[in-house]
PDB file of all heavy atoms in Angstrom:
ATOM      1  N   ARG A   1     112.310 -43.083-111.933  1.00  0.00           N
ATOM      2  CA  ARG A   1     113.338 -42.088-112.158  1.00  0.00           C
ATOM      3  C   ARG A   1     112.719 -40.689-112.303  1.00  0.00           C
ATOM      4  O   ARG A   1     113.302 -39.666-111.835  1.00  0.00           O
ATOM      5  CB  ARG A   1     114.136 -42.436-113.450  1.00  0.00           C
ATOM      6  CG  ARG A   1     115.326 -41.524-113.693  1.00  0.00           C
ATOM      7  CD  ARG A   1     116.029 -41.951-114.976  1.00  0.00           C
ATOM      8  NE  ARG A   1     116.500 -43.309-114.883  1.00  0.00           N
ATOM      9  CZ  ARG A   1     117.585 -43.700-114.235  1.00  0.00           C
ATOM     10  NH1 ARG A   1     118.334 -42.836-113.589  1.00  0.00           N
ATOM     11  NH2 ARG A   1     117.939 -44.974-114.215  1.00  0.00           N
ATOM     12  N   GLY A   2     111.558 -40.597-112.965  1.00  0.00           N
ATOM     13  CA  GLY A   2     110.916 -39.309-113.197  1.00  0.00           C
ATOM     14  C   GLY A   2     110.496 -38.609-111.905  1.00  0.00           C
ATOM     15  O   GLY A   2     110.264 -37.397-111.927  1.00  0.00           O
ATOM     16  N   LEU A   3     110.391 -39.349-110.801  1.00  0.00           N
ATOM     17  CA  LEU A   3     110.059 -38.739-109.518  1.00  0.00           C
ATOM     18  C   LEU A   3     111.304 -38.585-108.638  1.00  0.00           C
ATOM     19  O   LEU A   3     111.572 -37.522-108.106  1.00  0.00           O
ATOM     20  CB  LEU A   3     108.981 -39.550-108.790  1.00  0.00           C
ATOM     21  CG  LEU A   3     107.548 -39.165-109.130  1.00  0.00           C
ATOM     22  CD1 LEU A   3     107.135 -39.725-110.472  1.00  0.00           C
ATOM     23  CD2 LEU A   3     106.599 -39.670-108.072  1.00  0.00           C
ATOM     24  N   LEU A   4     112.048 -39.672-108.461  1.00  0.00           N
ATOM     25  CA  LEU A   4     113.145 -39.673-107.492  1.00  0.00           C
ATOM     26  C   LEU A   4     114.256 -38.719-107.876  1.00  0.00           C
ATOM     27  O   LEU A   4     114.891 -38.112-107.026  1.00  0.00           O
ATOM     28  CB  LEU A   4     113.706 -41.097-107.370  1.00  0.00           C
ATOM     29  CG  LEU A   4     112.739 -42.147-106.846  1.00  0.00           C
ATOM     30  CD1 LEU A   4     113.419 -43.519-106.782  1.00  0.00           C
ATOM     31  CD2 LEU A   4     112.214 -41.766-105.460  1.00  0.00           C
ATOM     32  N   ARG A   5     114.496 -38.543-109.169  1.00  0.00           N
ATOM     33  CA  ARG A   5     115.560 -37.646-109.616  1.00  0.00           C
ATOM     34  C   ARG A   5     115.333 -36.223-109.128  1.00  0.00           C
ATOM     35  O   ARG A   5     116.287 -35.474-108.892  1.00  0.00           O
ATOM     36  CB  ARG A   5     115.605 -37.692-111.135  1.00  0.00           C
ATOM     37  CG  ARG A   5     116.845 -37.059-111.745  1.00  0.00           C
ATOM     38  CD  ARG A   5     116.939 -37.421-113.221  1.00  0.00           C
ATOM     39  NE  ARG A   5     118.166 -36.894-113.824  1.00  0.00           N
ATOM     40  CZ  ARG A   5     118.186 -35.737-114.472  1.00  0.00           C
ATOM     41  NH1 ARG A   5     117.080 -34.992-114.569  1.00  0.00           N
ATOM     42  NH2 ARG A   5     119.301 -35.284-114.993  1.00  0.00           N
ATOM     43  N   PHE A   6     114.042 -35.854-108.979  1.00  0.00           N
ATOM     44  CA  PHE A   6     113.740 -34.499-108.544  1.00  0.00           C
ATOM     45  C   PHE A   6     113.513 -34.389-107.038  1.00  0.00           C
ATOM     46  O   PHE A   6     113.045 -33.386-106.520  1.00  0.00           O
ATOM     47  CB  PHE A   6     112.487 -33.999-109.276  1.00  0.00           C
ATOM     48  CG  PHE A   6     112.663 -33.882-110.761  1.00  0.00           C
ATOM     49  CD1 PHE A   6     112.287 -34.887-111.630  1.00  0.00           C
ATOM     50  CD2 PHE A   6     113.273 -32.747-111.303  1.00  0.00           C
ATOM     51  CE1 PHE A   6     112.463 -34.798-112.985  1.00  0.00           C
ATOM     52  CE2 PHE A   6     113.449 -32.620-112.679  1.00  0.00           C
ATOM     53  CZ  PHE A   6     113.042 -33.635-113.502  1.00  0.00           C
ATOM     54  N   GLY A   7     113.847 -35.461-106.323  1.00  0.00           N
ATOM     55  CA  GLY A   7     113.691 -35.439-104.867  1.00  0.00           C
ATOM     56  C   GLY A   7     112.255 -35.562-104.429  1.00  0.00           C
ATOM     57  O   GLY A   7     111.930 -35.230-103.273  1.00  0.00           O
ATOM     58  N   ARG A   8     111.381 -36.090-105.278  1.00  0.00           N
ATOM     59  CA  ARG A   8     109.988 -36.295-104.923  1.00  0.00           C
ATOM     60  C   ARG A   8     109.827 -37.730-104.383  1.00  0.00           C
ATOM     61  O   ARG A   8     110.642 -38.584-104.645  1.00  0.00           O
ATOM     62  CB  ARG A   8     109.094 -36.062-106.119  1.00  0.00           C
ATOM     63  CG  ARG A   8     109.107 -34.608-106.609  1.00  0.00           C
ATOM     64  CD  ARG A   8     108.107 -34.381-107.735  1.00  0.00           C
ATOM     65  NE  ARG A   8     108.008 -32.972-108.054  1.00  0.00           N
ATOM     66  CZ  ARG A   8     108.371 -32.415-109.226  1.00  0.00           C
ATOM     67  NH1 ARG A   8     108.858 -33.195-110.191  1.00  0.00           N
ATOM     68  NH2 ARG A   8     108.240 -31.123-109.446  1.00  0.00           N
ATOM     69  N   PRO A   9     108.712 -37.974-103.666  1.00  0.00           N
ATOM     70  CA  PRO A   9     108.460 -39.341-103.170  1.00  0.00           C
ATOM     71  C   PRO A   9     108.370 -40.339-104.286  1.00  0.00           C
ATOM     72  O   PRO A   9     107.986 -40.014-105.405  1.00  0.00           O
ATOM     73  CB  PRO A   9     107.149 -39.225-102.410  1.00  0.00           C
ATOM     74  CG  PRO A   9     107.025 -37.747-102.073  1.00  0.00           C
ATOM     75  CD  PRO A   9     107.690 -37.023-103.185  1.00  0.00           C
ATOM     76  N   ALA A  10     108.642 -41.603-103.994  1.00  0.00           N
ATOM     77  CA  ALA A  10     108.549 -42.678-105.001  1.00  0.00           C
ATOM     78  C   ALA A  10     107.113 -42.879-105.455  1.00  0.00           C
ATOM     79  O   ALA A  10     106.172 -42.510-104.726  1.00  0.00           O
ATOM     80  CB  ALA A  10     109.117 -43.981-104.393  1.00  0.00           C
ATOM     81  N   PRO A  11     106.906 -43.470-106.632  1.00  0.00           N
ATOM     82  CA  PRO A  11     105.543 -43.764-107.093  1.00  0.00           C
ATOM     83  C   PRO A  11     104.799 -44.606-106.066  1.00  0.00           C
ATOM     84  O   PRO A  11     105.391 -45.517-105.441  1.00  0.00           O
ATOM     85  CB  PRO A  11     105.781 -44.530-108.384  1.00  0.00           C
ATOM     86  CG  PRO A  11     107.122 -44.113-108.864  1.00  0.00           C
ATOM     87  CD  PRO A  11     107.918 -43.830-107.631  1.00  0.00           C
ATOM     88  N   ASP A  12     103.526 -44.321-105.904  1.00  0.00           N
ATOM     89  CA  ASP A  12     102.729 -44.968-104.846  1.00  0.00           C
ATOM     90  C   ASP A  12     101.660 -45.858-105.518  1.00  0.00           C
ATOM     91  O   ASP A  12     100.761 -45.359-106.177  1.00  0.00           O
ATOM     92  CB  ASP A  12     102.082 -43.912-103.991  1.00  0.00           C
ATOM     93  CG  ASP A  12     101.186 -44.508-102.876  1.00  0.00           C
ATOM     94  OD1 ASP A  12     101.215 -45.742-102.711  1.00  0.00           O
ATOM     95  OD2 ASP A  12     100.494 -43.730-102.176  1.00  0.00           O
ATOM     96  N   TYR A  13     101.766 -47.185-105.349  1.00  0.00           N
ATOM     97  CA  TYR A  13     100.816 -48.155-105.869  1.00  0.00           C
ATOM     98  C   TYR A  13      99.947 -48.751-104.764  1.00  0.00           C
ATOM     99  O   TYR A  13      99.278 -49.772-104.982  1.00  0.00           O
ATOM    100  CB  TYR A  13     101.545 -49.301-106.579  1.00  0.00           C
ATOM    101  CG  TYR A  13     102.131 -48.935-107.935  1.00  0.00           C
ATOM    102  CD1 TYR A  13     103.445 -48.463-108.018  1.00  0.00           C
ATOM    103  CD2 TYR A  13     101.413 -49.090-109.096  1.00  0.00           C
ATOM    104  CE1 TYR A  13     104.016 -48.142-109.228  1.00  0.00           C
ATOM    105  CE2 TYR A  13     101.982 -48.819-110.325  1.00  0.00           C
ATOM    106  CZ  TYR A  13     103.279 -48.339-110.384  1.00  0.00           C
ATOM    107  OH  TYR A  13     103.838 -48.023-111.614  1.00  0.00           O
ATOM    108  N   SER A  14      99.928 -48.138-103.618  1.00  0.00           N
ATOM    109  CA  SER A  14      99.313 -48.767-102.420  1.00  0.00           C
ATOM    110  C   SER A  14      97.788 -48.941-102.566  1.00  0.00           C
ATOM    111  O   SER A  14      97.205 -49.769-101.883  1.00  0.00           O
ATOM    112  CB  SER A  14      99.621 -47.965-101.166  1.00  0.00           C
ATOM    113  OG  SER A  14      99.133 -46.613-101.285  1.00  0.00           O
ATOM    114  N   ASP A  15      97.142 -48.172-103.416  1.00  0.00           N
ATOM    115  CA  ASP A  15      95.696 -48.293-103.591  1.00  0.00           C
ATOM    116  C   ASP A  15      95.299 -49.360-104.614  1.00  0.00           C
ATOM    117  O   ASP A  15      94.111 -49.531-104.925  1.00  0.00           O
ATOM    118  CB  ASP A  15      95.067 -46.964-103.994  1.00  0.00           C
ATOM    119  CG  ASP A  15      95.052 -45.966-102.836  1.00  0.00           C
ATOM    120  OD1 ASP A  15      95.064 -46.433-101.669  1.00  0.00           O
ATOM    121  OD2 ASP A  15      95.041 -44.753-103.095  1.00  0.00           O
ATOM    122  N   THR A  16      96.285 -50.091-105.156  1.00  0.00           N
ATOM    123  CA  THR A  16      96.012 -51.158-106.122  1.00  0.00           C
ATOM    124  C   THR A  16      95.252 -52.297-105.458  1.00  0.00           C
ATOM    125  O   THR A  16      95.526 -52.648-104.325  1.00  0.00           O
ATOM    126  CB  THR A  16      97.318 -51.654-106.704  1.00  0.00           C
ATOM    127  OG1 THR A  16      97.929 -50.618-107.490  1.00  0.00           O
ATOM    128  CG2 THR A  16      97.121 -52.864-107.602  1.00  0.00           C
ATOM    129  N   SER A  17      94.266 -52.836-106.172  1.00  0.00           N
ATOM    130  CA  SER A  17      93.430 -53.916-105.644  1.00  0.00           C
ATOM    131  C   SER A  17      93.377 -55.051-106.676  1.00  0.00           C
ATOM    132  O   SER A  17      94.077 -55.031-107.682  1.00  0.00           O
ATOM    133  CB  SER A  17      92.010 -53.410-105.328  1.00  0.00           C
ATOM    134  OG  SER A  17      91.367 -53.074-106.542  1.00  0.00           O
ATOM    135  N   ASN A  18      92.549 -56.038-106.375  1.00  0.00           N
ATOM    136  CA  ASN A  18      92.376 -57.167-107.292  1.00  0.00           C
ATOM    137  C   ASN A  18      91.659 -56.759-108.574  1.00  0.00           C
ATOM    138  O   ASN A  18      91.728 -57.481-109.570  1.00  0.00           O
ATOM    139  CB  ASN A  18      91.581 -58.296-106.631  1.00  0.00           C
ATOM    140  CG  ASN A  18      92.342 -58.910-105.459  1.00  0.00           C
ATOM    141  OD1 ASN A  18      93.523 -59.128-105.566  1.00  0.00           O
ATOM    142  ND2 ASN A  18      91.648 -59.188-104.378  1.00  0.00           N
ATOM    143  N   THR A  19      90.996 -55.651-108.556  1.00  0.00           N
ATOM    144  CA  THR A  19      90.184 -55.231-109.737  1.00  0.00           C
ATOM    145  C   THR A  19      90.730 -54.001-110.436  1.00  0.00           C
ATOM    146  O   THR A  19      90.225 -53.646-111.489  1.00  0.00           O
ATOM    147  CB  THR A  19      88.734 -54.948-109.293  1.00  0.00           C
ATOM    148  OG1 THR A  19      88.736 -53.911-108.274  1.00  0.00           O
ATOM    149  CG2 THR A  19      88.086 -56.193-108.714  1.00  0.00           C
ATOM    150  N   SER A  20      91.728 -53.362-109.884  1.00  0.00           N
ATOM    151  CA  SER A  20      92.286 -52.163-110.542  1.00  0.00           C
ATOM    152  C   SER A  20      93.696 -51.878-110.075  1.00  0.00           C
ATOM    153  O   SER A  20      94.083 -52.236-108.958  1.00  0.00           O
ATOM    154  CB  SER A  20      91.409 -50.941-110.283  1.00  0.00           C
ATOM    155  OG  SER A  20      91.398 -50.603-108.899  1.00  0.00           O
ATOM    156  N   VAL A  21      94.483 -51.265-110.962  1.00  0.00           N
ATOM    157  CA  VAL A  21      95.810 -50.794-110.633  1.00  0.00           C
ATOM    158  C   VAL A  21      95.748 -49.275-110.509  1.00  0.00           C
ATOM    159  O   VAL A  21      95.252 -48.614-111.411  1.00  0.00           O
ATOM    160  CB  VAL A  21      96.849 -51.199-111.718  1.00  0.00           C
ATOM    161  CG1 VAL A  21      98.211 -50.573-111.419  1.00  0.00           C
ATOM    162  CG2 VAL A  21      96.944 -52.721-111.800  1.00  0.00           C
ATOM    163  N   VAL A  22      96.225 -48.751-109.403  1.00  0.00           N
ATOM    164  CA  VAL A  22      96.157 -47.321-109.145  1.00  0.00           C
ATOM    165  C   VAL A  22      97.563 -46.816-108.841  1.00  0.00           C
ATOM    166  O   VAL A  22      98.267 -47.344-107.958  1.00  0.00           O
ATOM    167  CB  VAL A  22      95.238 -46.982-107.936  1.00  0.00           C
ATOM    168  CG1 VAL A  22      95.149 -45.470-107.744  1.00  0.00           C
ATOM    169  CG2 VAL A  22      93.852 -47.575-108.154  1.00  0.00           C
ATOM    170  N   LEU A  23      98.000 -45.789-109.572  1.00  0.00           N
ATOM    171  CA  LEU A  23      99.334 -45.200-109.441  1.00  0.00           C
ATOM    172  C   LEU A  23      99.190 -43.739-109.091  1.00  0.00           C
ATOM    173  O   LEU A  23      98.471 -43.007-109.755  1.00  0.00           O
ATOM    174  CB  LEU A  23     100.111 -45.362-110.740  1.00  0.00           C
ATOM    175  CG  LEU A  23     101.406 -44.558-110.883  1.00  0.00           C
ATOM    176  CD1 LEU A  23     102.424 -44.958-109.824  1.00  0.00           C
ATOM    177  CD2 LEU A  23     101.988 -44.708-112.265  1.00  0.00           C
ATOM    178  N   HIS A  24      99.893 -43.308-108.010  1.00  0.00           N
ATOM    179  CA  HIS A  24      99.908 -41.904-107.631  1.00  0.00           C
ATOM    180  C   HIS A  24     101.336 -41.365-107.839  1.00  0.00           C
ATOM    181  O   HIS A  24     102.299 -41.909-107.296  1.00  0.00           O
ATOM    182  CB  HIS A  24      99.532 -41.726-106.136  1.00  0.00           C
ATOM    183  CG  HIS A  24      98.145 -42.236-105.819  1.00  0.00           C
ATOM    184  ND1 HIS A  24      96.991 -41.661-106.317  1.00  0.00           N
ATOM    185  CD2 HIS A  24      97.759 -43.272-105.052  1.00  0.00           C
ATOM    186  CE1 HIS A  24      95.945 -42.291-105.862  1.00  0.00           C
ATOM    187  NE2 HIS A  24      96.364 -43.288-105.088  1.00  0.00           N
ATOM    188  N   LEU A  25     101.449 -40.270-108.624  1.00  0.00           N
ATOM    189  CA  LEU A  25     102.703 -39.583-108.836  1.00  0.00           C
ATOM    190  C   LEU A  25     102.667 -38.265-108.112  1.00  0.00           C
ATOM    191  O   LEU A  25     101.883 -37.373-108.486  1.00  0.00           O
ATOM    192  CB  LEU A  25     102.955 -39.379-110.339  1.00  0.00           C
ATOM    193  CG  LEU A  25     102.932 -40.616-111.237  1.00  0.00           C
ATOM    194  CD1 LEU A  25     103.123 -40.225-112.690  1.00  0.00           C
ATOM    195  CD2 LEU A  25     103.947 -41.647-110.834  1.00  0.00           C
ATOM    196  N   ALA A  26     103.475 -38.127-107.061  1.00  0.00           N
ATOM    197  CA  ALA A  26     103.446 -36.914-106.261  1.00  0.00           C
ATOM    198  C   ALA A  26     103.864 -35.704-107.060  1.00  0.00           C
ATOM    199  O   ALA A  26     104.782 -35.769-107.890  1.00  0.00           O
ATOM    200  CB  ALA A  26     104.357 -37.078-105.053  1.00  0.00           C
ATOM    201  N   THR A  27     103.164 -34.573-106.841  1.00  0.00           N
ATOM    202  CA  THR A  27     103.499 -33.334-107.548  1.00  0.00           C
ATOM    203  C   THR A  27     104.111 -32.298-106.566  1.00  0.00           C
ATOM    204  O   THR A  27     103.997 -31.097-106.783  1.00  0.00           O
ATOM    205  CB  THR A  27     102.246 -32.735-108.209  1.00  0.00           C
ATOM    206  OG1 THR A  27     101.209 -32.585-107.208  1.00  0.00           O
ATOM    207  CG2 THR A  27     101.720 -33.674-109.306  1.00  0.00           C
ATOM    208  N   ALA A  28     104.701 -32.767-105.473  1.00  0.00           N
ATOM    209  CA  ALA A  28     105.310 -31.884-104.513  1.00  0.00           C
ATOM    210  C   ALA A  28     106.451 -31.097-105.168  1.00  0.00           C
ATOM    211  O   ALA A  28     106.971 -31.496-106.211  1.00  0.00           O
ATOM    212  CB  ALA A  28     105.852 -32.691-103.322  1.00  0.00           C
TER     213      ALA A  28
END
């Protein structure tokens, strides 16, 4: 909600692996 409400891209978890969780929050 904190991203989509402002028209920003959805949270990006694509870099998550078996050993770490990685979250990217766009600042566009």
